[in-house]
Amino acid sequence: MDRLADYQDEWELVLTHERPVAEISRVTYLRAVRQFRAFLADHHPDVTTPGAITPRHVGEFLSAMAAAGRSDNTRRIRLKSLRLWFGYLAEQPDSGVERNPATGVDLPEEKLPPVPVIPDADLAVLLRSMSGASFVDRRDTTIVRLLLDCGMRRGEVVGIDVEDIDLRALDITLRRTKGGRSRTVPFGGRTALALRKYLRARELSAAAGSPALLLSSRPSALGSWRLTGGAVGEMLSRRCAAAGLAHLHPHQFRHTWADDMLSNGANETDVERLAGWSSPLMVRRYGRSAADRRARDAARKLARGDRV
């Protein structure tokens, strides 16, 4: 038996059922394990069990990635993903892992370029381009409204069930979150209207009985009608191209939401809680692309020189 492959499969089950994470996170975590196993097979074929892996093996894996031109941020993500996997293995008495070998390797320095916020004019063009009455138009409008109004991750958006929505209280309970902690987020009137129109169109779908809010036009190979995070990215690419806009990534909506919140008086604690972050550092990271502009606006409102 290939013990490493066996534990990779077990890890996938853990991330899916025991400690469920968003689809995009699960894909990221498993990609790191798969690539690390491929590296070991090529460079250390004698290492076939988790207990035989040392920090040196992990360090060599990251060095090989650097030599192949992979960025510091990519290597950082891979190492953090391996730390999670080995952390789980260290909890299993039969794995042979006594100490997490990935914690003995330093994380590459994080270098994140500012993500531009989306101008209102571009958002208006995008929404106008999907203003039809078809099922797909109403679904896509709902997705864009939720991303913009609630600052959700795309994995959280596609994880919403119909029963999670309260159209009277105007809020949604997010249960499939990156950190595994559920939270409730509010939405505004236009998002409520988009949801109501979509739900009416959804009632006519062949998959109307599915618990998932956002449905695909056809089922997956496994028979699921739930829209995937990847499909959200593909939808935005297709919609932006049709509307004559530059490509918009789903996460840009989260950055734009954070900037809007901070620009309109929300404090960092409020933004942190609504976004589901565990550290105020994330608030600063997500809002930094327009931080200079917000600082100038605050100074203009203060107009310190006009008081004397």
C-alpha atoms as a PDB file:
ATOM      1  CA  MET A   1       0.000   0.000   0.000  1.00  0.00           C
ATOM      2  CA  ASP A   2       1.197   3.523  -0.830  1.00  0.00           C
ATOM      3  CA  ARG A   3       0.907   5.040   2.641  1.00  0.00           C
ATOM      4  CA  LEU A   4       1.380   8.614   1.411  1.00  0.00           C
ATOM      5  CA  ALA A   5      -1.380   8.229  -1.180  1.00  0.00           C
ATOM      6  CA  ASP A   6      -3.582   6.589   1.435  1.00  0.00           C
ATOM      7  CA  TYR A   7      -3.146   9.506   3.829  1.00  0.00           C
ATOM      8  CA  GLN A   8      -3.750  11.984   1.020  1.00  0.00           C
ATOM      9  CA  ASP A   9      -7.087  10.310   0.295  1.00  0.00           C
ATOM     10  CA  GLU A  10      -7.895  10.326   4.010  1.00  0.00           C
ATOM     11  CA  TRP A  11      -7.033  14.041   4.197  1.00  0.00           C
ATOM     12  CA  GLU A  12      -9.476  14.738   1.376  1.00  0.00           C
ATOM     13  CA  LEU A  13     -12.211  12.960   3.319  1.00  0.00           C
ATOM     14  CA  VAL A  14     -11.337  14.951   6.445  1.00  0.00           C
ATOM     15  CA  LEU A  15     -11.515  18.251   4.553  1.00  0.00           C
ATOM     16  CA  THR A  16     -14.810  17.238   2.974  1.00  0.00           C
ATOM     17  CA  HIS A  17     -16.640  15.684   5.907  1.00  0.00           C
ATOM     18  CA  GLU A  18     -14.906  15.899   9.288  1.00  0.00           C
ATOM     19  CA  ARG A  19     -13.409  19.395   9.066  1.00  0.00           C
ATOM     20  CA  PRO A  20     -15.183  20.800   6.017  1.00  0.00           C
ATOM     21  CA  VAL A  21     -13.584  23.757   4.277  1.00  0.00           C
ATOM     22  CA  ALA A  22     -14.555  25.749   1.208  1.00  0.00           C
ATOM     23  CA  GLU A  23     -14.020  23.998  -2.112  1.00  0.00           C
ATOM     24  CA  ILE A  24     -11.237  26.339  -3.207  1.00  0.00           C
ATOM     25  CA  SER A  25      -9.371  25.756   0.073  1.00  0.00           C
ATOM     26  CA  ARG A  26      -9.727  21.991  -0.236  1.00  0.00           C
ATOM     27  CA  VAL A  27      -8.365  22.090  -3.784  1.00  0.00           C
ATOM     28  CA  THR A  28      -5.424  24.238  -2.639  1.00  0.00           C
ATOM     29  CA  TYR A  29      -4.563  21.994   0.325  1.00  0.00           C
ATOM     30  CA  LEU A  30      -4.724  18.812  -1.738  1.00  0.00           C
ATOM     31  CA  ARG A  31      -2.705  20.305  -4.590  1.00  0.00           C
ATOM     32  CA  ALA A  32       0.181  20.920  -2.198  1.00  0.00           C
ATOM     33  CA  VAL A  33       0.124  17.315  -0.962  1.00  0.00           C
ATOM     34  CA  ARG A  34      -0.084  15.942  -4.485  1.00  0.00           C
ATOM     35  CA  GLN A  35       2.835  18.066  -5.700  1.00  0.00           C
ATOM     36  CA  PHE A  36       4.921  17.178  -2.654  1.00  0.00           C
ATOM     37  CA  ARG A  37       4.307  13.470  -3.208  1.00  0.00           C
ATOM     38  CA  ALA A  38       5.347  13.832  -6.855  1.00  0.00           C
ATOM     39  CA  PHE A  39       8.539  15.588  -5.739  1.00  0.00           C
ATOM     40  CA  LEU A  40       9.356  12.777  -3.306  1.00  0.00           C
ATOM     41  CA  ALA A  41       8.725  10.138  -5.971  1.00  0.00           C
ATOM     42  CA  ASP A  42      11.191  11.877  -8.306  1.00  0.00           C
ATOM     43  CA  HIS A  43      13.901  12.845  -5.821  1.00  0.00           C
ATOM     44  CA  HIS A  44      13.467  10.584  -2.791  1.00  0.00           C
ATOM     45  CA  PRO A  45      11.757   7.386  -3.984  1.00  0.00           C
ATOM     46  CA  ASP A  46      12.813   5.614  -0.793  1.00  0.00           C
ATOM     47  CA  VAL A  47      10.588   7.933   1.280  1.00  0.00           C
ATOM     48  CA  THR A  48       7.239   6.155   1.187  1.00  0.00           C
ATOM     49  CA  THR A  49       5.766   6.745   4.649  1.00  0.00           C
ATOM     50  CA  PRO A  50       4.832   9.978   6.463  1.00  0.00           C
ATOM     51  CA  GLY A  51       7.142   9.205   9.385  1.00  0.00           C
ATOM     52  CA  ALA A  52      10.189   9.180   7.103  1.00  0.00           C
ATOM     53  CA  ILE A  53       9.646  12.777   5.963  1.00  0.00           C
ATOM     54  CA  THR A  54      11.927  15.416   7.503  1.00  0.00           C
ATOM     55  CA  PRO A  55      12.129  19.220   7.341  1.00  0.00           C
ATOM     56  CA  ARG A  56      14.943  18.770   4.813  1.00  0.00           C
ATOM     57  CA  HIS A  57      12.574  17.080   2.369  1.00  0.00           C
ATOM     58  CA  VAL A  58      10.061  19.904   2.724  1.00  0.00           C
ATOM     59  CA  GLY A  59      12.791  22.529   2.297  1.00  0.00           C
ATOM     60  CA  GLU A  60      14.089  20.826  -0.843  1.00  0.00           C
ATOM     61  CA  PHE A  61      10.560  20.761  -2.241  1.00  0.00           C
ATOM     62  CA  LEU A  62      10.243  24.533  -1.794  1.00  0.00           C
ATOM     63  CA  SER A  63      13.706  25.082  -3.279  1.00  0.00           C
ATOM     64  CA  ALA A  64      12.728  23.033  -6.327  1.00  0.00           C
ATOM     65  CA  MET A  65       9.621  25.180  -6.715  1.00  0.00           C
ATOM     66  CA  ALA A  66      11.744  28.332  -6.552  1.00  0.00           C
ATOM     67  CA  ALA A  67      14.132  26.924  -9.167  1.00  0.00           C
ATOM     68  CA  ALA A  68      11.125  26.243 -11.395  1.00  0.00           C
ATOM     69  CA  GLY A  69      10.156  29.908 -11.169  1.00  0.00           C
ATOM     70  CA  ARG A  70       7.283  29.613  -8.712  1.00  0.00           C
ATOM     71  CA  SER A  71       6.637  32.808  -6.767  1.00  0.00           C
ATOM     72  CA  ASP A  72       7.269  33.352  -3.066  1.00  0.00           C
ATOM     73  CA  ASN A  73       3.534  33.587  -2.496  1.00  0.00           C
ATOM     74  CA  THR A  74       2.876  30.254  -4.213  1.00  0.00           C
ATOM     75  CA  ARG A  75       5.578  28.557  -2.158  1.00  0.00           C
ATOM     76  CA  ARG A  76       4.169  30.143   0.970  1.00  0.00           C
ATOM     77  CA  ILE A  77       0.727  28.715   0.221  1.00  0.00           C
ATOM     78  CA  ARG A  78       2.177  25.255  -0.458  1.00  0.00           C
ATOM     79  CA  LEU A  79       4.098  25.246   2.823  1.00  0.00           C
ATOM     80  CA  LYS A  80       1.101  26.391   4.856  1.00  0.00           C
ATOM     81  CA  SER A  81      -0.975  23.660   3.199  1.00  0.00           C
ATOM     82  CA  LEU A  82       1.634  21.015   4.042  1.00  0.00           C
ATOM     83  CA  ARG A  83       1.718  22.228   7.637  1.00  0.00           C
ATOM     84  CA  LEU A  84      -1.997  21.538   7.891  1.00  0.00           C
ATOM     85  CA  TRP A  85      -1.627  18.042   6.420  1.00  0.00           C
ATOM     86  CA  PHE A  86       1.289  17.078   8.634  1.00  0.00           C
ATOM     87  CA  GLY A  87      -0.506  18.606  11.610  1.00  0.00           C
ATOM     88  CA  TYR A  88      -3.348  16.185  10.981  1.00  0.00           C
ATOM     89  CA  LEU A  89      -0.930  13.269  10.510  1.00  0.00           C
ATOM     90  CA  ALA A  90       0.778  14.083  13.810  1.00  0.00           C
ATOM     91  CA  GLU A  91      -2.600  13.550  15.494  1.00  0.00           C
ATOM     92  CA  GLN A  92      -2.854  10.024  14.081  1.00  0.00           C
ATOM     93  CA  PRO A  93      -1.001   7.509  16.281  1.00  0.00           C
ATOM     94  CA  ASP A  94      -0.396   5.117  13.384  1.00  0.00           C
ATOM     95  CA  SER A  95       1.066   7.672  10.936  1.00  0.00           C
ATOM     96  CA  GLY A  96       4.592   7.621  12.327  1.00  0.00           C
ATOM     97  CA  VAL A  97       4.675  11.450  12.386  1.00  0.00           C
ATOM     98  CA  GLU A  98       5.726  12.619  15.839  1.00  0.00           C
ATOM     99  CA  ARG A  99       6.593  16.222  14.955  1.00  0.00           C
ATOM    100  CA  ASN A 100       5.291  18.282  12.070  1.00  0.00           C
ATOM    101  CA  PRO A 101       8.244  18.445   9.600  1.00  0.00           C
ATOM    102  CA  ALA A 102       6.775  21.449   7.779  1.00  0.00           C
ATOM    103  CA  THR A 103       6.960  23.659  10.882  1.00  0.00           C
ATOM    104  CA  GLY A 104      10.741  23.345  10.766  1.00  0.00           C
ATOM    105  CA  VAL A 105      10.841  25.289   7.495  1.00  0.00           C
ATOM    106  CA  ASP A 106      10.578  29.078   7.342  1.00  0.00           C
ATOM    107  CA  LEU A 107       7.724  30.587   5.381  1.00  0.00           C
ATOM    108  CA  PRO A 108       8.784  32.618   2.332  1.00  0.00           C
ATOM    109  CA  GLU A 109       8.144  36.320   2.827  1.00  0.00           C
ATOM    110  CA  GLU A 110       4.645  37.343   1.812  1.00  0.00           C
ATOM    111  CA  LYS A 111       4.625  39.796  -1.094  1.00  0.00           C
ATOM    112  CA  LEU A 112       1.105  40.695  -2.085  1.00  0.00           C
ATOM    113  CA  PRO A 113       0.498  43.392  -4.696  1.00  0.00           C
ATOM    114  CA  PRO A 114      -2.449  45.690  -3.990  1.00  0.00           C
ATOM    115  CA  VAL A 115      -5.670  44.457  -5.563  1.00  0.00           C
ATOM    116  CA  PRO A 116      -7.544  47.287  -7.317  1.00  0.00           C
ATOM    117  CA  VAL A 117     -11.092  48.019  -6.215  1.00  0.00           C
ATOM    118  CA  ILE A 118     -13.774  47.808  -8.887  1.00  0.00           C
ATOM    119  CA  PRO A 119     -15.139  51.197 -10.031  1.00  0.00           C
ATOM    120  CA  ASP A 120     -18.885  51.702  -9.668  1.00  0.00           C
ATOM    121  CA  ALA A 121     -19.105  52.456 -13.390  1.00  0.00           C
ATOM    122  CA  ASP A 122     -17.728  49.008 -14.255  1.00  0.00           C
ATOM    123  CA  LEU A 123     -20.075  47.344 -11.788  1.00  0.00           C
ATOM    124  CA  ALA A 124     -23.037  49.146 -13.342  1.00  0.00           C
ATOM    125  CA  VAL A 125     -22.011  47.987 -16.835  1.00  0.00           C
ATOM    126  CA  LEU A 126     -21.606  44.416 -15.605  1.00  0.00           C
ATOM    127  CA  LEU A 127     -25.010  44.355 -13.917  1.00  0.00           C
ATOM    128  CA  ARG A 128     -26.746  45.897 -16.936  1.00  0.00           C
ATOM    129  CA  SER A 129     -25.265  43.162 -19.131  1.00  0.00           C
ATOM    130  CA  MET A 130     -27.114  40.491 -17.127  1.00  0.00           C
ATOM    131  CA  SER A 131     -30.408  42.290 -16.579  1.00  0.00           C
ATOM    132  CA  GLY A 132     -32.509  39.791 -18.541  1.00  0.00           C
ATOM    133  CA  ALA A 133     -35.238  37.585 -17.104  1.00  0.00           C
ATOM    134  CA  SER A 134     -33.677  34.196 -17.876  1.00  0.00           C
ATOM    135  CA  PHE A 135     -32.676  31.759 -15.130  1.00  0.00           C
ATOM    136  CA  VAL A 136     -28.965  32.299 -15.883  1.00  0.00           C
ATOM    137  CA  ASP A 137     -29.271  36.102 -15.942  1.00  0.00           C
ATOM    138  CA  ARG A 138     -31.061  36.164 -12.612  1.00  0.00           C
ATOM    139  CA  ARG A 139     -28.655  33.675 -11.055  1.00  0.00           C
ATOM    140  CA  ASP A 140     -25.586  35.584 -12.235  1.00  0.00           C
ATOM    141  CA  THR A 141     -27.046  38.895 -11.047  1.00  0.00           C
ATOM    142  CA  THR A 142     -27.609  37.323  -7.633  1.00  0.00           C
ATOM    143  CA  ILE A 143     -24.006  36.106  -7.497  1.00  0.00           C
ATOM    144  CA  VAL A 144     -22.589  39.538  -8.337  1.00  0.00           C
ATOM    145  CA  ARG A 145     -24.899  41.253  -5.841  1.00  0.00           C
ATOM    146  CA  LEU A 146     -23.923  38.836  -3.058  1.00  0.00           C
ATOM    147  CA  LEU A 147     -20.199  39.185  -3.768  1.00  0.00           C
ATOM    148  CA  LEU A 148     -20.453  42.970  -3.798  1.00  0.00           C
ATOM    149  CA  ASP A 149     -22.921  43.478  -0.950  1.00  0.00           C
ATOM    150  CA  CYS A 150     -21.650  40.901   1.533  1.00  0.00           C
ATOM    151  CA  GLY A 151     -17.919  40.576   0.872  1.00  0.00           C
ATOM    152  CA  MET A 152     -18.137  36.783   0.749  1.00  0.00           C
ATOM    153  CA  ARG A 153     -15.557  34.411  -0.613  1.00  0.00           C
ATOM    154  CA  ARG A 154     -16.789  32.641  -3.727  1.00  0.00           C
ATOM    155  CA  GLY A 155     -16.668  29.313  -1.882  1.00  0.00           C
ATOM    156  CA  GLU A 156     -19.007  30.786   0.703  1.00  0.00           C
ATOM    157  CA  VAL A 157     -21.383  32.082  -1.958  1.00  0.00           C
ATOM    158  CA  VAL A 158     -21.781  28.708  -3.656  1.00  0.00           C
ATOM    159  CA  GLY A 159     -22.072  27.036  -0.246  1.00  0.00           C
ATOM    160  CA  ILE A 160     -25.293  28.896   0.621  1.00  0.00           C
ATOM    161  CA  ASP A 161     -28.443  26.801   0.941  1.00  0.00           C
ATOM    162  CA  VAL A 162     -31.916  28.228   0.340  1.00  0.00           C
ATOM    163  CA  GLU A 163     -32.749  27.776   4.022  1.00  0.00           C
ATOM    164  CA  ASP A 164     -29.787  29.981   4.997  1.00  0.00           C
ATOM    165  CA  ILE A 165     -31.488  33.097   3.587  1.00  0.00           C
ATOM    166  CA  ASP A 166     -33.852  35.299   5.592  1.00  0.00           C
ATOM    167  CA  LEU A 167     -35.509  37.713   3.178  1.00  0.00           C
ATOM    168  CA  ARG A 168     -37.374  39.489   5.965  1.00  0.00           C
ATOM    169  CA  ALA A 169     -34.365  40.113   8.190  1.00  0.00           C
ATOM    170  CA  LEU A 170     -32.209  40.689   5.081  1.00  0.00           C
ATOM    171  CA  ASP A 171     -29.376  38.437   6.186  1.00  0.00           C
ATOM    172  CA  ILE A 172     -27.694  35.156   5.281  1.00  0.00           C
ATOM    173  CA  THR A 173     -26.111  32.575   7.562  1.00  0.00           C
ATOM    174  CA  LEU A 174     -22.877  31.292   6.047  1.00  0.00           C
ATOM    175  CA  ARG A 175     -22.127  27.741   7.168  1.00  0.00           C
ATOM    176  CA  ARG A 176     -19.522  26.590   4.632  1.00  0.00           C
ATOM    177  CA  THR A 177     -16.740  29.017   5.501  1.00  0.00           C
ATOM    178  CA  LYS A 178     -12.984  28.933   5.115  1.00  0.00           C
ATOM    179  CA  GLY A 179     -12.330  28.743   8.841  1.00  0.00           C
ATOM    180  CA  GLY A 180     -15.269  26.464   9.577  1.00  0.00           C
ATOM    181  CA  ARG A 181     -16.989  29.088  11.777  1.00  0.00           C
ATOM    182  CA  SER A 182     -20.490  30.060  10.681  1.00  0.00           C
ATOM    183  CA  ARG A 183     -21.435  33.740  10.602  1.00  0.00           C
ATOM    184  CA  THR A 184     -24.404  35.869   9.597  1.00  0.00           C
ATOM    185  CA  VAL A 185     -24.019  38.713   7.109  1.00  0.00           C
ATOM    186  CA  PRO A 186     -26.541  41.392   6.084  1.00  0.00           C
ATOM    187  CA  PHE A 187     -27.520  42.425   2.578  1.00  0.00           C
ATOM    188  CA  GLY A 188     -29.355  45.410   1.119  1.00  0.00           C
ATOM    189  CA  GLY A 189     -32.588  45.994  -0.735  1.00  0.00           C
ATOM    190  CA  ARG A 190     -31.284  45.530  -4.279  1.00  0.00           C
ATOM    191  CA  THR A 191     -29.684  42.229  -3.337  1.00  0.00           C
ATOM    192  CA  ALA A 192     -32.991  41.185  -1.756  1.00  0.00           C
ATOM    193  CA  LEU A 193     -34.796  41.998  -5.011  1.00  0.00           C
ATOM    194  CA  ALA A 194     -32.232  40.024  -7.018  1.00  0.00           C
ATOM    195  CA  LEU A 195     -32.676  37.064  -4.669  1.00  0.00           C
ATOM    196  CA  ARG A 196     -36.471  37.146  -4.906  1.00  0.00           C
ATOM    197  CA  LYS A 197     -36.414  37.239  -8.715  1.00  0.00           C
ATOM    198  CA  TYR A 198     -33.849  34.437  -8.860  1.00  0.00           C
ATOM    199  CA  LEU A 199     -35.781  32.263  -6.407  1.00  0.00           C
ATOM    200  CA  ARG A 200     -38.873  32.541  -8.621  1.00  0.00           C
ATOM    201  CA  ALA A 201     -36.834  31.452 -11.646  1.00  0.00           C
ATOM    202  CA  ARG A 202     -35.217  28.711  -9.568  1.00  0.00           C
ATOM    203  CA  GLU A 203     -38.622  27.180  -8.783  1.00  0.00           C
ATOM    204  CA  LEU A 204     -38.902  26.199 -12.460  1.00  0.00           C
ATOM    205  CA  SER A 205     -35.510  24.462 -12.517  1.00  0.00           C
ATOM    206  CA  ALA A 206     -35.217  20.686 -12.794  1.00  0.00           C
ATOM    207  CA  ALA A 207     -33.153  20.865  -9.593  1.00  0.00           C
ATOM    208  CA  ALA A 208     -35.566  23.024  -7.590  1.00  0.00           C
ATOM    209  CA  GLY A 209     -35.540  20.394  -4.841  1.00  0.00           C
ATOM    210  CA  SER A 210     -31.797  20.774  -4.259  1.00  0.00           C
ATOM    211  CA  PRO A 211     -30.867  22.485  -0.979  1.00  0.00           C
ATOM    212  CA  ALA A 212     -28.276  24.628  -2.794  1.00  0.00           C
ATOM    213  CA  LEU A 213     -29.233  28.224  -3.503  1.00  0.00           C
ATOM    214  CA  LEU A 214     -27.146  28.626  -6.642  1.00  0.00           C
ATOM    215  CA  LEU A 215     -27.772  25.933  -9.221  1.00  0.00           C
ATOM    216  CA  SER A 216     -25.806  24.938 -12.281  1.00  0.00           C
ATOM    217  CA  SER A 217     -27.522  24.585 -15.635  1.00  0.00           C
ATOM    218  CA  ARG A 218     -26.672  20.877 -15.594  1.00  0.00           C
ATOM    219  CA  PRO A 219     -25.574  18.376 -12.933  1.00  0.00           C
ATOM    220  CA  SER A 220     -21.976  17.394 -12.301  1.00  0.00           C
ATOM    221  CA  ALA A 221     -20.621  13.912 -12.983  1.00  0.00           C
ATOM    222  CA  LEU A 222     -21.567  13.050  -9.399  1.00  0.00           C
ATOM    223  CA  GLY A 223     -25.107  14.316  -9.885  1.00  0.00           C
ATOM    224  CA  SER A 224     -24.764  17.545  -7.891  1.00  0.00           C
ATOM    225  CA  TRP A 225     -26.575  20.654  -9.117  1.00  0.00           C
ATOM    226  CA  ARG A 226     -24.729  23.007  -6.763  1.00  0.00           C
ATOM    227  CA  LEU A 227     -22.721  25.644  -8.607  1.00  0.00           C
ATOM    228  CA  THR A 228     -18.963  25.455  -7.946  1.00  0.00           C
ATOM    229  CA  GLY A 229     -16.487  28.183  -7.082  1.00  0.00           C
ATOM    230  CA  GLY A 230     -14.694  27.554 -10.365  1.00  0.00           C
ATOM    231  CA  ALA A 231     -17.926  28.117 -12.249  1.00  0.00           C
ATOM    232  CA  VAL A 232     -18.291  31.528 -10.572  1.00  0.00           C
ATOM    233  CA  GLY A 233     -14.862  32.551 -11.874  1.00  0.00           C
ATOM    234  CA  GLU A 234     -15.718  31.298 -15.358  1.00  0.00           C
ATOM    235  CA  MET A 235     -19.021  33.173 -15.286  1.00  0.00           C
ATOM    236  CA  LEU A 236     -17.291  36.444 -14.413  1.00  0.00           C
ATOM    237  CA  SER A 237     -14.725  35.959 -17.188  1.00  0.00           C
ATOM    238  CA  ARG A 238     -17.477  35.311 -19.706  1.00  0.00           C
ATOM    239  CA  ARG A 239     -19.671  38.178 -18.503  1.00  0.00           C
ATOM    240  CA  CYS A 240     -16.824  40.703 -18.411  1.00  0.00           C
ATOM    241  CA  ALA A 241     -15.756  39.793 -21.937  1.00  0.00           C
ATOM    242  CA  ALA A 242     -19.323  40.157 -23.207  1.00  0.00           C
ATOM    243  CA  ALA A 243     -19.677  43.536 -21.477  1.00  0.00           C
ATOM    244  CA  GLY A 244     -16.358  44.829 -22.820  1.00  0.00           C
ATOM    245  CA  LEU A 245     -14.758  44.988 -19.367  1.00  0.00           C
ATOM    246  CA  ALA A 246     -11.340  43.905 -18.187  1.00  0.00           C
ATOM    247  CA  HIS A 247     -11.372  40.574 -16.364  1.00  0.00           C
ATOM    248  CA  LEU A 248     -12.659  40.721 -12.800  1.00  0.00           C
ATOM    249  CA  HIS A 249     -11.637  38.056 -10.306  1.00  0.00           C
ATOM    250  CA  PRO A 250     -14.204  37.000  -7.657  1.00  0.00           C
ATOM    251  CA  HIS A 251     -11.853  38.094  -4.878  1.00  0.00           C
ATOM    252  CA  GLN A 252     -11.759  41.647  -6.244  1.00  0.00           C
ATOM    253  CA  PHE A 253     -15.322  42.000  -5.012  1.00  0.00           C
ATOM    254  CA  ARG A 254     -14.149  41.159  -1.481  1.00  0.00           C
ATOM    255  CA  HIS A 255     -11.434  43.812  -1.682  1.00  0.00           C
ATOM    256  CA  THR A 256     -13.944  46.311  -3.077  1.00  0.00           C
ATOM    257  CA  TRP A 257     -16.404  45.512  -0.278  1.00  0.00           C
ATOM    258  CA  ALA A 258     -13.703  45.999   2.385  1.00  0.00           C
ATOM    259  CA  ASP A 259     -12.702  49.338   0.866  1.00  0.00           C
ATOM    260  CA  ASP A 260     -16.340  50.486   0.718  1.00  0.00           C
ATOM    261  CA  MET A 261     -16.902  49.526   4.355  1.00  0.00           C
ATOM    262  CA  LEU A 262     -13.798  51.334   5.590  1.00  0.00           C
ATOM    263  CA  SER A 263     -14.445  54.363   3.373  1.00  0.00           C
ATOM    264  CA  ASN A 264     -17.939  54.762   4.786  1.00  0.00           C
ATOM    265  CA  GLY A 265     -17.078  54.745   8.459  1.00  0.00           C
ATOM    266  CA  ALA A 266     -17.072  51.066   9.456  1.00  0.00           C
ATOM    267  CA  ASN A 267     -14.379  50.288  12.004  1.00  0.00           C
ATOM    268  CA  GLU A 268     -11.861  47.514  11.466  1.00  0.00           C
ATOM    269  CA  THR A 269     -13.492  45.260  14.070  1.00  0.00           C
ATOM    270  CA  ASP A 270     -16.833  45.413  12.239  1.00  0.00           C
ATOM    271  CA  VAL A 271     -15.195  44.573   8.920  1.00  0.00           C
ATOM    272  CA  GLU A 272     -13.160  41.777  10.498  1.00  0.00           C
ATOM    273  CA  ARG A 273     -16.240  40.099  11.977  1.00  0.00           C
ATOM    274  CA  LEU A 274     -18.405  40.423   8.867  1.00  0.00           C
ATOM    275  CA  ALA A 275     -15.641  39.091   6.620  1.00  0.00           C
ATOM    276  CA  GLY A 276     -14.919  36.128   8.867  1.00  0.00           C
ATOM    277  CA  TRP A 277     -11.286  37.041   9.482  1.00  0.00           C
ATOM    278  CA  SER A 278      -9.453  36.029  12.639  1.00  0.00           C
ATOM    279  CA  SER A 279      -6.910  38.848  12.576  1.00  0.00           C
ATOM    280  CA  PRO A 280      -7.109  42.628  12.047  1.00  0.00           C
ATOM    281  CA  LEU A 281      -4.079  42.261   9.775  1.00  0.00           C
ATOM    282  CA  MET A 282      -6.406  40.842   7.128  1.00  0.00           C
ATOM    283  CA  VAL A 283      -8.533  43.995   7.219  1.00  0.00           C
ATOM    284  CA  ARG A 284      -5.494  46.135   6.480  1.00  0.00           C
ATOM    285  CA  ARG A 285      -4.343  43.814   3.731  1.00  0.00           C
ATOM    286  CA  TYR A 286      -7.702  43.816   1.967  1.00  0.00           C
ATOM    287  CA  GLY A 287      -8.217  47.535   2.300  1.00  0.00           C
ATOM    288  CA  ARG A 288      -4.710  48.660   1.455  1.00  0.00           C
ATOM    289  CA  SER A 289      -5.150  49.111  -2.307  1.00  0.00           C
ATOM    290  CA  ALA A 290      -7.115  52.311  -1.615  1.00  0.00           C
ATOM    291  CA  ALA A 291      -5.695  53.120   1.819  1.00  0.00           C
ATOM    292  CA  ASP A 292      -3.860  56.235   0.613  1.00  0.00           C
ATOM    293  CA  ARG A 293      -7.036  57.585  -0.964  1.00  0.00           C
ATOM    294  CA  ARG A 294      -9.004  56.970   2.237  1.00  0.00           C
ATOM    295  CA  ALA A 295      -6.317  58.718   4.264  1.00  0.00           C
ATOM    296  CA  ARG A 296      -6.479  61.771   1.977  1.00  0.00           C
ATOM    297  CA  ASP A 297     -10.274  61.832   2.180  1.00  0.00           C
ATOM    298  CA  ALA A 298     -10.120  61.701   5.982  1.00  0.00           C
ATOM    299  CA  ALA A 299      -7.641  64.576   6.031  1.00  0.00           C
ATOM    300  CA  ARG A 300      -9.867  66.665   3.758  1.00  0.00           C
ATOM    301  CA  LYS A 301     -12.863  66.097   6.048  1.00  0.00           C
ATOM    302  CA  LEU A 302     -10.795  67.127   9.047  1.00  0.00           C
ATOM    303  CA  ALA A 303      -9.487  70.230   7.234  1.00  0.00           C
ATOM    304  CA  ARG A 304      -7.150  70.910  10.129  1.00  0.00           C
ATOM    305  CA  GLY A 305      -5.704  74.044   8.571  1.00  0.00           C
ATOM    306  CA  ASP A 306      -9.138  75.661   8.252  1.00  0.00           C
ATOM    307  CA  ARG A 307      -9.676  75.726  12.015  1.00  0.00           C
ATOM    308  CA  VAL A 308      -7.155  78.474  12.733  1.00  0.00           C
END
